[in-house]
Amino acid sequence: MHRILNFIHNNNIDVIEEIFKDKISSGMLSHLLNKKEMYKHQQNDNMKAWFEFIGHLDNENSEILFNYINKKKS
């Protein structure tokens, strides 16, 4: 849990494209990027935008994000 919270605290939500590109279809990537932008502008706070984004991910995309965070060097 600490690793996840540390990641979202220290990374701008714009890293979403890097995380998901080449792992999901271009249509799904476009959808996630649109959602990211919506949360970013609605929340006007990086951490709150992350919480909204993560909270709305399906299991498959949550797993992609979780794996990315766990493989990222501290």
Protein backbone atom coordinates (compact mmCIF):
# COMPACT_ATOMS: atom_id res chain seq x y z
CA MET A 1 0.00 0.00 0.00
CA HIS A 2 2.82 2.39 0.90
CA ARG A 3 4.37 1.88 -2.50
CA ILE A 4 1.11 2.78 -4.28
CA LEU A 5 0.53 5.90 -2.20
CA ASN A 6 4.13 6.97 -2.62
CA PHE A 7 3.84 6.49 -6.38
CA ILE A 8 0.71 8.63 -6.78
CA HIS A 9 2.15 11.29 -4.49
CA ASN A 10 5.38 11.52 -6.51
CA ASN A 11 4.06 11.07 -10.08
CA ASN A 12 1.93 13.35 -12.18
CA ILE A 13 -1.18 11.64 -13.50
CA ASP A 14 0.03 12.39 -17.02
CA VAL A 15 2.24 9.28 -16.71
CA ILE A 16 -0.91 7.26 -17.50
CA GLU A 17 -0.09 7.13 -21.21
CA GLU A 18 3.37 5.67 -20.52
CA ILE A 19 1.89 3.06 -18.17
CA PHE A 20 -0.82 1.77 -20.49
CA LYS A 21 0.57 2.22 -24.02
CA ASP A 22 1.42 -1.08 -25.70
CA LYS A 23 -0.55 -2.95 -23.01
CA ILE A 24 -4.11 -2.15 -24.12
CA SER A 25 -5.89 -1.36 -27.37
CA SER A 26 -5.59 2.14 -28.80
CA GLY A 27 -9.33 2.62 -28.26
CA MET A 28 -9.08 1.73 -24.58
CA LEU A 29 -5.98 3.90 -24.20
CA SER A 30 -7.85 6.82 -25.70
CA HIS A 31 -10.74 6.19 -23.30
CA LEU A 32 -8.41 6.11 -20.27
CA LEU A 33 -6.62 9.27 -21.40
CA ASN A 34 -9.96 11.06 -21.77
CA LYS A 35 -10.96 9.95 -18.28
CA LYS A 36 -7.60 11.05 -16.91
CA GLU A 37 -8.06 14.52 -18.41
CA MET A 38 -11.59 14.76 -17.05
CA TYR A 39 -10.51 13.83 -13.50
CA LYS A 40 -7.48 16.11 -13.75
CA HIS A 41 -9.63 19.12 -14.62
CA GLN A 42 -12.51 18.27 -12.28
CA GLN A 43 -10.31 17.71 -9.25
CA ASN A 44 -7.63 20.30 -9.97
CA ASP A 45 -5.42 18.25 -7.64
CA ASN A 46 -3.05 15.52 -8.80
CA MET A 47 -3.63 13.12 -5.91
CA LYS A 48 -7.41 13.47 -6.02
CA ALA A 49 -7.31 12.91 -9.78
CA TRP A 50 -5.27 9.74 -9.19
CA PHE A 51 -7.81 8.48 -6.64
CA GLU A 52 -10.69 9.11 -9.06
CA PHE A 53 -8.81 7.44 -11.91
CA ILE A 54 -7.80 4.38 -9.91
CA GLY A 55 -11.24 4.09 -8.34
CA HIS A 56 -12.85 3.76 -11.76
CA LEU A 57 -10.45 1.23 -13.30
CA ASP A 58 -11.66 -2.26 -14.09
CA ASN A 59 -9.74 -5.25 -12.70
CA GLU A 60 -7.59 -5.77 -15.79
CA ASN A 61 -6.42 -2.16 -15.97
CA SER A 62 -5.95 -2.00 -12.20
CA GLU A 63 -3.61 -4.97 -12.53
CA ILE A 64 -1.61 -3.20 -15.26
CA LEU A 65 -1.19 -0.15 -13.03
CA PHE A 66 -0.35 -2.25 -9.97
CA ASN A 67 2.29 -4.22 -11.91
CA TYR A 68 3.81 -1.01 -13.26
CA ILE A 69 4.08 0.48 -9.76
CA ASN A 70 5.57 -2.70 -8.30
CA LYS A 71 8.18 -2.99 -11.08
CA LYS A 72 9.18 0.69 -10.87
CA LYS A 73 12.39 1.21 -8.95
CA SER A 74 12.01 3.18 -5.73
